[in-house]
C-alpha atoms as a PDB file:
ATOM      1  CA  MET A   1     -47.299  45.467 -63.334  1.00  0.00           C
ATOM      2  CA  ASP A   2     -48.655  42.917 -65.822  1.00  0.00           C
ATOM      3  CA  ALA A   3     -52.238  41.954 -66.548  1.00  0.00           C
ATOM      4  CA  ASN A   4     -52.341  39.502 -63.656  1.00  0.00           C
ATOM      5  CA  GLY A   5     -51.149  42.047 -61.099  1.00  0.00           C
ATOM      6  CA  LEU A   6     -47.718  40.439 -60.603  1.00  0.00           C
ATOM      7  CA  ASN A   7     -44.994  43.016 -59.990  1.00  0.00           C
ATOM      8  CA  ASP A   8     -41.707  41.205 -60.317  1.00  0.00           C
ATOM      9  CA  ARG A   9     -39.931  37.953 -60.997  1.00  0.00           C
ATOM     10  CA  LYS A  10     -40.089  36.916 -57.334  1.00  0.00           C
ATOM     11  CA  GLU A  11     -43.891  36.995 -57.314  1.00  0.00           C
ATOM     12  CA  LEU A  12     -43.948  34.885 -60.469  1.00  0.00           C
ATOM     13  CA  THR A  13     -41.532  32.391 -58.883  1.00  0.00           C
ATOM     14  CA  ASP A  14     -43.585  32.236 -55.671  1.00  0.00           C
ATOM     15  CA  ILE A  15     -46.853  31.527 -57.459  1.00  0.00           C
ATOM     16  CA  LEU A  16     -45.205  28.831 -59.609  1.00  0.00           C
ATOM     17  CA  GLN A  17     -43.867  27.166 -56.463  1.00  0.00           C
ATOM     18  CA  TRP A  18     -47.353  27.356 -54.936  1.00  0.00           C
ATOM     19  CA  TYR A  19     -48.828  25.719 -58.021  1.00  0.00           C
ATOM     20  CA  GLY A  20     -46.209  22.954 -57.820  1.00  0.00           C
ATOM     21  CA  SER A  21     -46.956  22.287 -54.140  1.00  0.00           C
ATOM     22  CA  ALA A  22     -50.654  22.035 -54.979  1.00  0.00           C
ATOM     23  CA  GLY A  23     -49.927  19.450 -57.659  1.00  0.00           C
ATOM     24  CA  VAL A  24     -50.419  21.777 -60.658  1.00  0.00           C
ATOM     25  CA  ASP A  25     -47.343  20.827 -62.659  1.00  0.00           C
ATOM     26  CA  ILE A  26     -48.582  20.401 -66.241  1.00  0.00           C
ATOM     27  CA  CYS A  27     -49.111  23.225 -68.741  1.00  0.00           C
ATOM     28  CA  ILE A  28     -52.187  22.634 -70.923  1.00  0.00           C
ATOM     29  CA  GLY A  29     -52.022  25.748 -73.087  1.00  0.00           C
ATOM     30  CA  GLU A  30     -49.958  28.787 -74.028  1.00  0.00           C
ATOM     31  CA  THR A  31     -52.689  31.288 -73.180  1.00  0.00           C
ATOM     32  CA  ALA A  32     -55.037  31.495 -70.218  1.00  0.00           C
ATOM     33  CA  ARG A  33     -58.726  30.741 -70.687  1.00  0.00           C
ATOM     34  CA  ASN A  34     -61.473  32.700 -68.964  1.00  0.00           C
ATOM     35  CA  HIS A  35     -63.761  29.838 -67.965  1.00  0.00           C
ATOM     36  CA  PHE A  36     -66.147  32.200 -66.163  1.00  0.00           C
ATOM     37  CA  LEU A  37     -66.791  34.108 -69.381  1.00  0.00           C
ATOM     38  CA  GLU A  38     -67.185  30.909 -71.384  1.00  0.00           C
ATOM     39  CA  ASN A  39     -69.714  29.550 -68.884  1.00  0.00           C
ATOM     40  CA  ALA A  40     -71.627  32.825 -68.982  1.00  0.00           C
ATOM     41  CA  ASN A  41     -71.846  32.660 -72.776  1.00  0.00           C
ATOM     42  CA  ILE A  42     -73.052  29.073 -72.626  1.00  0.00           C
ATOM     43  CA  ALA A  43     -75.682  29.964 -70.027  1.00  0.00           C
ATOM     44  CA  GLY A  44     -77.013  32.706 -72.295  1.00  0.00           C
ATOM     45  CA  THR A  45     -77.621  30.376 -75.250  1.00  0.00           C
ATOM     46  CA  ALA A  46     -80.642  28.170 -75.605  1.00  0.00           C
ATOM     47  CA  ARG A  47     -79.984  24.525 -74.917  1.00  0.00           C
ATOM     48  CA  PRO A  48     -81.563  21.868 -77.163  1.00  0.00           C
ATOM     49  CA  SER A  49     -84.297  19.858 -75.514  1.00  0.00           C
ATOM     50  CA  PRO A  50     -83.386  16.222 -74.765  1.00  0.00           C
ATOM     51  CA  ARG A  51     -84.679  13.517 -77.043  1.00  0.00           C
ATOM     52  CA  LYS A  52     -87.803  11.786 -75.812  1.00  0.00           C
ATOM     53  CA  ASP A  53     -86.402   8.331 -76.523  1.00  0.00           C
ATOM     54  CA  MET A  54     -83.364   8.931 -74.338  1.00  0.00           C
ATOM     55  CA  GLN A  55     -83.629   7.628 -70.785  1.00  0.00           C
ATOM     56  CA  PRO A  56     -81.413   8.734 -67.921  1.00  0.00           C
ATOM     57  CA  ALA A  57     -78.578   6.353 -67.212  1.00  0.00           C
ATOM     58  CA  LYS A  58     -79.085   4.057 -64.269  1.00  0.00           C
ATOM     59  CA  THR A  59     -76.686   4.436 -61.407  1.00  0.00           C
ATOM     60  CA  ALA A  60     -74.818   1.221 -60.722  1.00  0.00           C
ATOM     61  CA  LYS A  61     -74.835   0.025 -57.147  1.00  0.00           C
ATOM     62  CA  ILE A  62     -71.382  -0.706 -55.783  1.00  0.00           C
ATOM     63  CA  SER A  63     -71.188  -3.489 -53.258  1.00  0.00           C
ATOM     64  CA  LYS A  64     -68.879  -2.649 -50.399  1.00  0.00           C
ATOM     65  CA  GLY A  65     -66.250  -5.271 -49.820  1.00  0.00           C
ATOM     66  CA  PRO A  66     -64.087  -5.414 -46.713  1.00  0.00           C
ATOM     67  CA  GLY A  67     -62.262  -2.132 -46.278  1.00  0.00           C
ATOM     68  CA  GLN A  68     -63.593  -0.657 -49.550  1.00  0.00           C
ATOM     69  CA  GLY A  69     -66.519   1.439 -48.341  1.00  0.00           C
ATOM     70  CA  THR A  70     -64.508   4.607 -47.716  1.00  0.00           C
ATOM     71  CA  MET A  71     -62.638   4.370 -51.023  1.00  0.00           C
ATOM     72  CA  ALA A  72     -65.857   3.893 -52.988  1.00  0.00           C
ATOM     73  CA  LYS A  73     -67.398   6.996 -51.399  1.00  0.00           C
ATOM     74  CA  ALA A  74     -64.298   9.078 -52.093  1.00  0.00           C
ATOM     75  CA  GLY A  75     -64.151   7.960 -55.719  1.00  0.00           C
ATOM     76  CA  ILE A  76     -60.733   6.335 -55.248  1.00  0.00           C
ATOM     77  CA  ARG A  77     -59.999   3.242 -57.280  1.00  0.00           C
ATOM     78  CA  PRO A  78     -59.146   0.460 -54.829  1.00  0.00           C
ATOM     79  CA  ASP A  79     -55.923  -1.460 -55.234  1.00  0.00           C
ATOM     80  CA  THR A  80     -56.421  -4.694 -57.151  1.00  0.00           C
ATOM     81  CA  GLU A  81     -54.925  -8.059 -56.344  1.00  0.00           C
ATOM     82  CA  LYS A  82     -53.484  -8.180 -59.851  1.00  0.00           C
ATOM     83  CA  GLU A  83     -51.421  -5.038 -59.285  1.00  0.00           C
ATOM     84  CA  LEU A  84     -50.325  -6.202 -55.843  1.00  0.00           C
ATOM     85  CA  GLU A  85     -49.277  -9.574 -57.217  1.00  0.00           C
ATOM     86  CA  LYS A  86     -47.268  -7.806 -59.934  1.00  0.00           C
ATOM     87  CA  ALA A  87     -45.506  -5.765 -57.254  1.00  0.00           C
ATOM     88  CA  ARG A  88     -44.694  -8.923 -55.293  1.00  0.00           C
ATOM     89  CA  ILE A  89     -43.225 -10.596 -58.388  1.00  0.00           C
ATOM     90  CA  LEU A  90     -41.118  -7.571 -59.376  1.00  0.00           C
ATOM     91  CA  ALA A  91     -39.841  -7.062 -55.836  1.00  0.00           C
ATOM     92  CA  GLY A  92     -39.197 -10.765 -55.264  1.00  0.00           C
ATOM     93  CA  ASN A  93     -37.106 -11.020 -58.443  1.00  0.00           C
ATOM     94  CA  ALA A  94     -34.837  -8.157 -57.363  1.00  0.00           C
ATOM     95  CA  LYS A  95     -31.523  -9.554 -56.133  1.00  0.00           C
ATOM     96  CA  ASN A  96     -30.093  -6.255 -54.875  1.00  0.00           C
ATOM     97  CA  LEU A  97     -31.081  -2.650 -54.206  1.00  0.00           C
ATOM     98  CA  ASP A  98     -30.223  -1.515 -57.733  1.00  0.00           C
ATOM     99  CA  GLU A  99     -32.619  -4.074 -59.167  1.00  0.00           C
ATOM    100  CA  ILE A 100     -35.317  -2.787 -56.814  1.00  0.00           C
ATOM    101  CA  LYS A 101     -34.835   0.648 -58.396  1.00  0.00           C
ATOM    102  CA  GLN A 102     -35.278  -0.877 -61.851  1.00  0.00           C
ATOM    103  CA  ALA A 103     -38.363  -2.746 -60.678  1.00  0.00           C
ATOM    104  CA  LEU A 104     -39.927   0.459 -59.340  1.00  0.00           C
ATOM    105  CA  GLU A 105     -39.271   2.237 -62.632  1.00  0.00           C
ATOM    106  CA  SER A 106     -41.139  -0.494 -64.501  1.00  0.00           C
ATOM    107  CA  PHE A 107     -43.995  -0.774 -61.982  1.00  0.00           C
ATOM    108  CA  ASP A 108     -47.214   1.013 -62.949  1.00  0.00           C
ATOM    109  CA  GLY A 109     -49.593  -0.307 -60.293  1.00  0.00           C
ATOM    110  CA  CYS A 110     -49.610   2.869 -58.164  1.00  0.00           C
ATOM    111  CA  SER A 111     -51.484   5.935 -59.420  1.00  0.00           C
ATOM    112  CA  LEU A 112     -49.042   8.291 -57.648  1.00  0.00           C
ATOM    113  CA  LYS A 113     -46.427   7.523 -60.287  1.00  0.00           C
ATOM    114  CA  GLU A 114     -48.554   9.160 -62.996  1.00  0.00           C
ATOM    115  CA  ARG A 115     -48.406  12.582 -61.319  1.00  0.00           C
ATOM    116  CA  ALA A 116     -44.881  12.447 -59.865  1.00  0.00           C
ATOM    117  CA  SER A 117     -42.037  13.969 -61.860  1.00  0.00           C
ATOM    118  CA  ARG A 118     -39.566  11.307 -60.730  1.00  0.00           C
ATOM    119  CA  THR A 119     -39.091   8.301 -58.474  1.00  0.00           C
ATOM    120  CA  VAL A 120     -37.289   9.004 -55.184  1.00  0.00           C
ATOM    121  CA  HIS A 121     -35.400   5.811 -54.400  1.00  0.00           C
ATOM    122  CA  GLY A 122     -34.040   4.774 -51.029  1.00  0.00           C
ATOM    123  CA  CYS A 123     -30.378   5.524 -50.412  1.00  0.00           C
ATOM    124  CA  GLY A 124     -27.639   4.950 -47.879  1.00  0.00           C
ATOM    125  CA  ASN A 125     -25.587   2.081 -46.538  1.00  0.00           C
ATOM    126  CA  PRO A 126     -26.793  -1.222 -48.092  1.00  0.00           C
ATOM    127  CA  SER A 127     -25.607  -3.124 -45.020  1.00  0.00           C
ATOM    128  CA  ALA A 128     -26.765  -0.613 -42.422  1.00  0.00           C
ATOM    129  CA  ARG A 129     -27.709  -1.653 -38.901  1.00  0.00           C
ATOM    130  CA  ILE A 130     -30.417   1.007 -38.846  1.00  0.00           C
ATOM    131  CA  MET A 131     -33.045   1.764 -41.488  1.00  0.00           C
ATOM    132  CA  LEU A 132     -35.221   4.892 -41.332  1.00  0.00           C
ATOM    133  CA  VAL A 133     -38.584   4.844 -43.104  1.00  0.00           C
ATOM    134  CA  GLY A 134     -40.760   7.895 -43.791  1.00  0.00           C
ATOM    135  CA  LYS A 135     -44.171   8.172 -45.453  1.00  0.00           C
ATOM    136  CA  ALA A 136     -43.470   9.677 -48.903  1.00  0.00           C
ATOM    137  CA  PRO A 137     -41.148  12.138 -50.652  1.00  0.00           C
ATOM    138  CA  SER A 138     -41.765  15.861 -50.232  1.00  0.00           C
ATOM    139  CA  ASP A 139     -41.528  18.384 -53.052  1.00  0.00           C
ATOM    140  CA  GLU A 140     -37.898  19.069 -52.071  1.00  0.00           C
ATOM    141  CA  ASP A 141     -37.134  15.339 -52.067  1.00  0.00           C
ATOM    142  CA  GLU A 142     -38.617  15.043 -55.544  1.00  0.00           C
ATOM    143  CA  LEU A 143     -36.648  18.020 -56.807  1.00  0.00           C
ATOM    144  CA  LEU A 144     -33.331  16.626 -55.523  1.00  0.00           C
ATOM    145  CA  ALA A 145     -34.247  12.948 -56.126  1.00  0.00           C
ATOM    146  CA  SER A 146     -33.177  12.141 -52.563  1.00  0.00           C
ATOM    147  CA  PRO A 147     -35.212  11.168 -49.480  1.00  0.00           C
ATOM    148  CA  PHE A 148     -35.279  13.567 -46.523  1.00  0.00           C
ATOM    149  CA  ALA A 149     -33.978  16.679 -48.286  1.00  0.00           C
ATOM    150  CA  GLY A 150     -34.476  20.334 -47.415  1.00  0.00           C
ATOM    151  CA  LYS A 151     -35.001  21.605 -43.865  1.00  0.00           C
ATOM    152  CA  ALA A 152     -36.467  18.288 -42.697  1.00  0.00           C
ATOM    153  CA  GLY A 153     -33.354  16.543 -43.965  1.00  0.00           C
ATOM    154  CA  GLN A 154     -31.102  19.016 -42.171  1.00  0.00           C
ATOM    155  CA  LEU A 155     -32.936  18.330 -38.922  1.00  0.00           C
ATOM    156  CA  LEU A 156     -32.658  14.580 -39.528  1.00  0.00           C
ATOM    157  CA  ASP A 157     -28.893  14.985 -40.026  1.00  0.00           C
ATOM    158  CA  ALA A 158     -28.715  16.744 -36.643  1.00  0.00           C
ATOM    159  CA  MET A 159     -30.759  13.951 -35.054  1.00  0.00           C
ATOM    160  CA  LEU A 160     -28.378  11.339 -36.445  1.00  0.00           C
ATOM    161  CA  GLN A 161     -25.346  13.357 -35.369  1.00  0.00           C
ATOM    162  CA  SER A 162     -26.669  13.437 -31.804  1.00  0.00           C
ATOM    163  CA  VAL A 163     -26.204   9.648 -31.658  1.00  0.00           C
ATOM    164  CA  SER A 164     -22.878   9.682 -33.561  1.00  0.00           C
ATOM    165  CA  LEU A 165     -24.383   8.654 -36.899  1.00  0.00           C
ATOM    166  CA  THR A 166     -24.414  10.097 -40.417  1.00  0.00           C
ATOM    167  CA  ARG A 167     -26.382   9.298 -43.549  1.00  0.00           C
ATOM    168  CA  ASP A 168     -23.564   6.969 -44.577  1.00  0.00           C
ATOM    169  CA  ASP A 169     -24.290   4.791 -41.533  1.00  0.00           C
ATOM    170  CA  VAL A 170     -28.019   4.290 -42.160  1.00  0.00           C
ATOM    171  CA  PHE A 171     -30.407   3.522 -45.004  1.00  0.00           C
ATOM    172  CA  LEU A 172     -33.191   6.007 -45.790  1.00  0.00           C
ATOM    173  CA  SER A 173     -36.426   5.043 -47.506  1.00  0.00           C
ATOM    174  CA  ASN A 174     -40.155   5.828 -47.704  1.00  0.00           C
ATOM    175  CA  VAL A 175     -43.346   3.781 -47.715  1.00  0.00           C
ATOM    176  CA  VAL A 176     -44.089   5.096 -51.230  1.00  0.00           C
ATOM    177  CA  PRO A 177     -41.357   6.410 -53.579  1.00  0.00           C
ATOM    178  CA  TRP A 178     -43.562   8.962 -55.379  1.00  0.00           C
ATOM    179  CA  ARG A 179     -44.707  12.334 -54.058  1.00  0.00           C
ATOM    180  CA  PRO A 180     -48.474  12.570 -53.547  1.00  0.00           C
ATOM    181  CA  PRO A 181     -50.084  15.726 -55.005  1.00  0.00           C
ATOM    182  CA  GLY A 182     -50.002  18.578 -52.528  1.00  0.00           C
ATOM    183  CA  ASN A 183     -47.769  16.527 -50.197  1.00  0.00           C
ATOM    184  CA  ARG A 184     -50.836  14.760 -48.804  1.00  0.00           C
ATOM    185  CA  ASP A 185     -50.578  11.425 -46.979  1.00  0.00           C
ATOM    186  CA  PRO A 186     -50.600   8.390 -49.273  1.00  0.00           C
ATOM    187  CA  ALA A 187     -53.951   6.610 -49.386  1.00  0.00           C
ATOM    188  CA  PRO A 188     -54.061   3.100 -47.852  1.00  0.00           C
ATOM    189  CA  HIS A 189     -54.309   1.374 -51.247  1.00  0.00           C
ATOM    190  CA  GLU A 190     -51.337   3.415 -52.537  1.00  0.00           C
ATOM    191  CA  ALA A 191     -49.184   2.360 -49.592  1.00  0.00           C
ATOM    192  CA  ARG A 192     -50.320  -1.250 -49.971  1.00  0.00           C
ATOM    193  CA  ALA A 193     -49.323  -1.309 -53.645  1.00  0.00           C
ATOM    194  CA  CYS A 194     -45.762  -0.201 -52.800  1.00  0.00           C
ATOM    195  CA  LEU A 195     -45.327  -2.322 -49.667  1.00  0.00           C
ATOM    196  CA  PRO A 196     -43.670  -5.336 -51.416  1.00  0.00           C
ATOM    197  CA  PHE A 197     -40.777  -3.109 -52.521  1.00  0.00           C
ATOM    198  CA  LEU A 198     -40.215  -1.780 -48.992  1.00  0.00           C
ATOM    199  CA  GLU A 199     -40.360  -5.320 -47.580  1.00  0.00           C
ATOM    200  CA  ARG A 200     -37.805  -6.496 -50.149  1.00  0.00           C
ATOM    201  CA  GLN A 201     -35.496  -3.624 -49.173  1.00  0.00           C
ATOM    202  CA  ILE A 202     -35.742  -4.705 -45.539  1.00  0.00           C
ATOM    203  CA  GLU A 203     -35.070  -8.318 -46.506  1.00  0.00           C
ATOM    204  CA  LEU A 204     -31.934  -7.408 -48.513  1.00  0.00           C
ATOM    205  CA  ILE A 205     -30.509  -4.951 -45.958  1.00  0.00           C
ATOM    206  CA  GLY A 206     -31.378  -6.966 -42.850  1.00  0.00           C
ATOM    207  CA  PRO A 207     -31.315  -4.026 -40.402  1.00  0.00           C
ATOM    208  CA  GLU A 208     -31.129  -4.644 -36.658  1.00  0.00           C
ATOM    209  CA  LEU A 209     -33.517  -1.732 -36.071  1.00  0.00           C
ATOM    210  CA  ILE A 210     -36.076   0.044 -38.251  1.00  0.00           C
ATOM    211  CA  VAL A 211     -37.092   3.567 -37.209  1.00  0.00           C
ATOM    212  CA  ALA A 212     -40.602   4.400 -38.429  1.00  0.00           C
ATOM    213  CA  LEU A 213     -40.710   8.176 -38.816  1.00  0.00           C
ATOM    214  CA  GLY A 214     -44.217   9.575 -38.530  1.00  0.00           C
ATOM    215  CA  ASP A 215     -47.697   8.136 -38.216  1.00  0.00           C
ATOM    216  CA  MET A 216     -47.962   6.742 -41.762  1.00  0.00           C
ATOM    217  CA  ALA A 217     -44.767   4.687 -41.500  1.00  0.00           C
ATOM    218  CA  THR A 218     -45.708   3.562 -37.984  1.00  0.00           C
ATOM    219  CA  ARG A 219     -49.100   2.237 -39.129  1.00  0.00           C
ATOM    220  CA  THR A 220     -47.530   0.532 -42.145  1.00  0.00           C
ATOM    221  CA  LEU A 221     -44.925  -1.343 -40.098  1.00  0.00           C
ATOM    222  CA  LEU A 222     -46.740  -1.873 -36.789  1.00  0.00           C
ATOM    223  CA  GLY A 223     -50.359  -2.197 -37.910  1.00  0.00           C
ATOM    224  CA  GLU A 224     -53.327   0.049 -38.662  1.00  0.00           C
ATOM    225  CA  GLN A 225     -54.115   0.560 -34.960  1.00  0.00           C
ATOM    226  CA  ALA A 226     -50.629   1.910 -34.201  1.00  0.00           C
ATOM    227  CA  SER A 227     -50.005   5.607 -33.553  1.00  0.00           C
ATOM    228  CA  VAL A 228     -46.665   7.377 -33.422  1.00  0.00           C
ATOM    229  CA  LEU A 229     -47.886   9.704 -30.648  1.00  0.00           C
ATOM    230  CA  LYS A 230     -48.823   6.727 -28.473  1.00  0.00           C
ATOM    231  CA  GLN A 231     -45.862   4.482 -29.345  1.00  0.00           C
ATOM    232  CA  ASP A 232     -43.120   7.069 -29.777  1.00  0.00           C
ATOM    233  CA  GLY A 233     -39.874   5.575 -28.481  1.00  0.00           C
ATOM    234  CA  GLU A 234     -41.265   2.048 -27.985  1.00  0.00           C
ATOM    235  CA  ILE A 235     -39.313  -0.857 -29.468  1.00  0.00           C
ATOM    236  CA  LYS A 236     -41.110  -3.918 -30.744  1.00  0.00           C
ATOM    237  CA  ASN A 237     -39.678  -7.199 -31.998  1.00  0.00           C
ATOM    238  CA  MET A 238     -40.989  -7.911 -35.495  1.00  0.00           C
ATOM    239  CA  GLU A 239     -40.543 -10.296 -38.391  1.00  0.00           C
ATOM    240  CA  ILE A 240     -40.845  -8.511 -41.737  1.00  0.00           C
ATOM    241  CA  ALA A 241     -40.401 -10.420 -44.995  1.00  0.00           C
ATOM    242  CA  GLY A 242     -38.575 -13.171 -43.134  1.00  0.00           C
ATOM    243  CA  CYS A 243     -36.206 -10.692 -41.456  1.00  0.00           C
ATOM    244  CA  ARG A 244     -36.226 -10.682 -37.655  1.00  0.00           C
ATOM    245  CA  THR A 245     -35.728  -7.099 -36.557  1.00  0.00           C
ATOM    246  CA  ARG A 246     -37.022  -4.448 -34.184  1.00  0.00           C
ATOM    247  CA  VAL A 247     -39.193  -1.454 -35.043  1.00  0.00           C
ATOM    248  CA  MET A 248     -39.094   1.849 -33.186  1.00  0.00           C
ATOM    249  CA  ALA A 249     -41.635   4.650 -33.763  1.00  0.00           C
ATOM    250  CA  MET A 250     -40.368   8.224 -33.766  1.00  0.00           C
ATOM    251  CA  LEU A 251     -41.752  11.638 -34.709  1.00  0.00           C
ATOM    252  CA  HIS A 252     -41.041  12.753 -38.276  1.00  0.00           C
ATOM    253  CA  PRO A 253     -38.580  15.673 -38.715  1.00  0.00           C
ATOM    254  CA  GLN A 254     -41.230  17.548 -40.718  1.00  0.00           C
ATOM    255  CA  PHE A 255     -43.582  17.324 -37.722  1.00  0.00           C
ATOM    256  CA  LEU A 256     -40.818  18.591 -35.427  1.00  0.00           C
ATOM    257  CA  LEU A 257     -40.363  21.651 -37.647  1.00  0.00           C
ATOM    258  CA  ARG A 258     -44.038  22.476 -37.101  1.00  0.00           C
ATOM    259  CA  GLN A 259     -44.006  21.514 -33.393  1.00  0.00           C
ATOM    260  CA  PRO A 260     -40.553  22.467 -31.998  1.00  0.00           C
ATOM    261  CA  ALA A 261     -41.689  21.764 -28.431  1.00  0.00           C
ATOM    262  CA  GLN A 262     -41.780  18.039 -29.278  1.00  0.00           C
ATOM    263  CA  LYS A 263     -38.004  17.941 -29.864  1.00  0.00           C
ATOM    264  CA  GLN A 264     -37.372  17.161 -26.185  1.00  0.00           C
ATOM    265  CA  ARG A 265     -39.593  14.109 -26.570  1.00  0.00           C
ATOM    266  CA  THR A 266     -37.608  13.038 -29.627  1.00  0.00           C
ATOM    267  CA  TRP A 267     -34.353  13.499 -27.709  1.00  0.00           C
ATOM    268  CA  ARG A 268     -35.482  10.823 -25.243  1.00  0.00           C
ATOM    269  CA  SER A 269     -36.184   8.484 -28.165  1.00  0.00           C
ATOM    270  CA  LEU A 270     -32.719   9.215 -29.572  1.00  0.00           C
ATOM    271  CA  CYS A 271     -31.147   8.383 -26.210  1.00  0.00           C
ATOM    272  CA  LYS A 272     -32.918   5.041 -26.316  1.00  0.00           C
ATOM    273  CA  LEU A 273     -31.738   4.510 -29.880  1.00  0.00           C
ATOM    274  CA  ARG A 274     -28.165   5.086 -28.781  1.00  0.00           C
ATOM    275  CA  LEU A 275     -28.524   2.529 -25.992  1.00  0.00           C
ATOM    276  CA  VAL A 276     -29.748  -0.013 -28.548  1.00  0.00           C
ATOM    277  CA  LEU A 277     -26.688   0.657 -30.700  1.00  0.00           C
ATOM    278  CA  GLU A 278     -24.355   0.295 -27.736  1.00  0.00           C
ATOM    279  CA  ALA A 279     -26.047  -2.909 -26.597  1.00  0.00           C
ATOM    280  CA  GLY A 280     -25.346  -4.539 -29.977  1.00  0.00           C
ATOM    281  CA  SER A 281     -25.113  -8.266 -29.603  1.00  0.00           C
ATOM    282  CA  GLU A 282     -26.140  -8.066 -25.934  1.00  0.00           C
ATOM    283  CA  THR A 283     -29.787  -7.517 -26.935  1.00  0.00           C
ATOM    284  CA  GLU A 284     -31.820 -10.716 -27.022  1.00  0.00           C
ATOM    285  CA  ASP A 285     -33.037 -11.833 -30.423  1.00  0.00           C
ATOM    286  CA  ASN A 286     -35.074 -14.865 -29.391  1.00  0.00           C
ATOM    287  CA  GLY A 287     -38.414 -13.047 -29.637  1.00  0.00           C
ATOM    288  CA  GLN A 288     -38.509 -12.176 -25.928  1.00  0.00           C
ATOM    289  CA  LYS A 289     -38.693  -8.668 -24.540  1.00  0.00           C
ATOM    290  CA  PRO A 290     -35.368  -6.816 -24.912  1.00  0.00           C
ATOM    291  CA  PRO A 291     -33.364  -5.947 -21.789  1.00  0.00           C
ATOM    292  CA  ALA A 292     -34.802  -3.169 -19.641  1.00  0.00           C
ATOM    293  CA  ARG A 293     -32.225  -0.627 -20.703  1.00  0.00           C
ATOM    294  CA  THR A 294     -33.304  -0.913 -24.339  1.00  0.00           C
ATOM    295  CA  SER A 295     -36.951  -0.339 -23.478  1.00  0.00           C
ATOM    296  CA  GLU A 296     -36.750   2.445 -20.887  1.00  0.00           C
ATOM    297  CA  PRO A 297     -33.241   3.682 -20.040  1.00  0.00           C
ATOM    298  CA  SER A 298     -33.064   5.556 -16.757  1.00  0.00           C
ATOM    299  CA  GLY A 299     -30.727   8.145 -18.227  1.00  0.00           C
ATOM    300  CA  ALA A 300     -33.009   9.195 -21.077  1.00  0.00           C
ATOM    301  CA  MET A 301     -33.100  12.887 -20.169  1.00  0.00           C
ATOM    302  CA  ALA A 302     -32.313  16.091 -21.941  1.00  0.00           C
ATOM    303  CA  PRO A 303     -28.568  16.768 -22.049  1.00  0.00           C
ATOM    304  CA  GLY A 304     -27.169  18.676 -19.102  1.00  0.00           C
ATOM    305  CA  THR A 305     -29.597  17.235 -16.534  1.00  0.00           C
ATOM    306  CA  SER A 306     -29.192  14.530 -13.896  1.00  0.00           C
ATOM    307  CA  LYS A 307     -31.459  12.467 -11.714  1.00  0.00           C
ATOM    308  CA  PRO A 308     -32.911  14.231  -8.698  1.00  0.00           C
ATOM    309  CA  GLY A 309     -31.145  13.349  -5.477  1.00  0.00           C
ATOM    310  CA  GLY A 310     -28.134  11.666  -7.016  1.00  0.00           C
ATOM    311  CA  ALA A 311     -25.138  12.023  -9.277  1.00  0.00           C
ATOM    312  CA  ALA A 312     -25.364  11.304 -12.967  1.00  0.00           C
ATOM    313  CA  THR A 313     -24.439   7.832 -14.051  1.00  0.00           C
ATOM    314  CA  ALA A 314     -21.582   7.159 -16.444  1.00  0.00           C
ATOM    315  CA  GLU A 315     -24.148   6.387 -19.145  1.00  0.00           C
ATOM    316  CA  GLU A 316     -25.793   9.806 -18.702  1.00  0.00           C
ATOM    317  CA  SER A 317     -22.449  11.580 -18.680  1.00  0.00           C
ATOM    318  CA  GLY A 318     -21.604   9.949 -21.983  1.00  0.00           C
ATOM    319  CA  MET A 319     -24.844  11.254 -23.462  1.00  0.00           C
ATOM    320  CA  ARG A 320     -24.019  14.821 -22.509  1.00  0.00           C
ATOM    321  CA  GLN A 321     -20.853  14.667 -24.561  1.00  0.00           C
ATOM    322  CA  LYS A 322     -22.914  14.101 -27.742  1.00  0.00           C
ATOM    323  CA  PRO A 323     -24.317  17.086 -29.642  1.00  0.00           C
ATOM    324  CA  SER A 324     -27.894  17.665 -28.573  1.00  0.00           C
ATOM    325  CA  LEU A 325     -30.894  17.961 -30.867  1.00  0.00           C
ATOM    326  CA  PRO A 326     -31.178  21.644 -31.875  1.00  0.00           C
ATOM    327  CA  LEU A 327     -34.091  23.414 -30.234  1.00  0.00           C
ATOM    328  CA  ARG A 328     -34.526  25.930 -33.050  1.00  0.00           C
END
């Protein structure tokens, strides 16, 4: 056992991983410092009396602008219009997805970039019919430089497989491309600073349907009052960056790993997603409400079940032939 009470290499690896998850990823010295001892030594020494001609600094009063009261109290620097305008210019000048990657690498208007080890860019089919948007990269995403990696990514792959899709058929992205410290949710001003790049991705890809995974992505795409728990499975016609599309809220795979009982709820949303794919050009795109079967299909049940008092429809039978969302 060493001086810190760590027995083996595994314990050292575990504590390093814990530090990384907490956002401690920079070494500031080769030897550890005992700050408690240093503070005790300082407390035991006499402190010089302050000069009589020195006056305490006056505390500046911060006027609260619209939406800035909470940020001022938390000590968070609000997003400035200058940074947002820079993001709009960089994103607007990008002619393809590769140029969006270059623009993100040169953008310094989001404080998350300073702490992240790398940028996790969107990936997938550049002409996909479906685009999936999460909140931010996880530590596993950052490590592999790919969105939706690790166990959450494996569950997402199973979700896509249940509707006969793979990662090659969709485009995966996040509201912000940099991992927040400790995997916390991005702050509103951080999401706002990165929004022009997400909008430009949507404009270039032109997806028929955008799936907002989780509460953060749902609020970003559908408005601050939106909630994924209230609007899970609902489809709304939207116009984003000049692109007429539809947005569907769905629970995030990471949430489903913590709440496995919610997978049945997600299965119903996946059934609806499949109906949208099958409808294709039949779905109205004139801004009116989509056909009833795209908003609430009668066969949206867990596989292997049928309607009470009647035989299963052909649509339901087709759903049972697809692999179901794993329950474990």
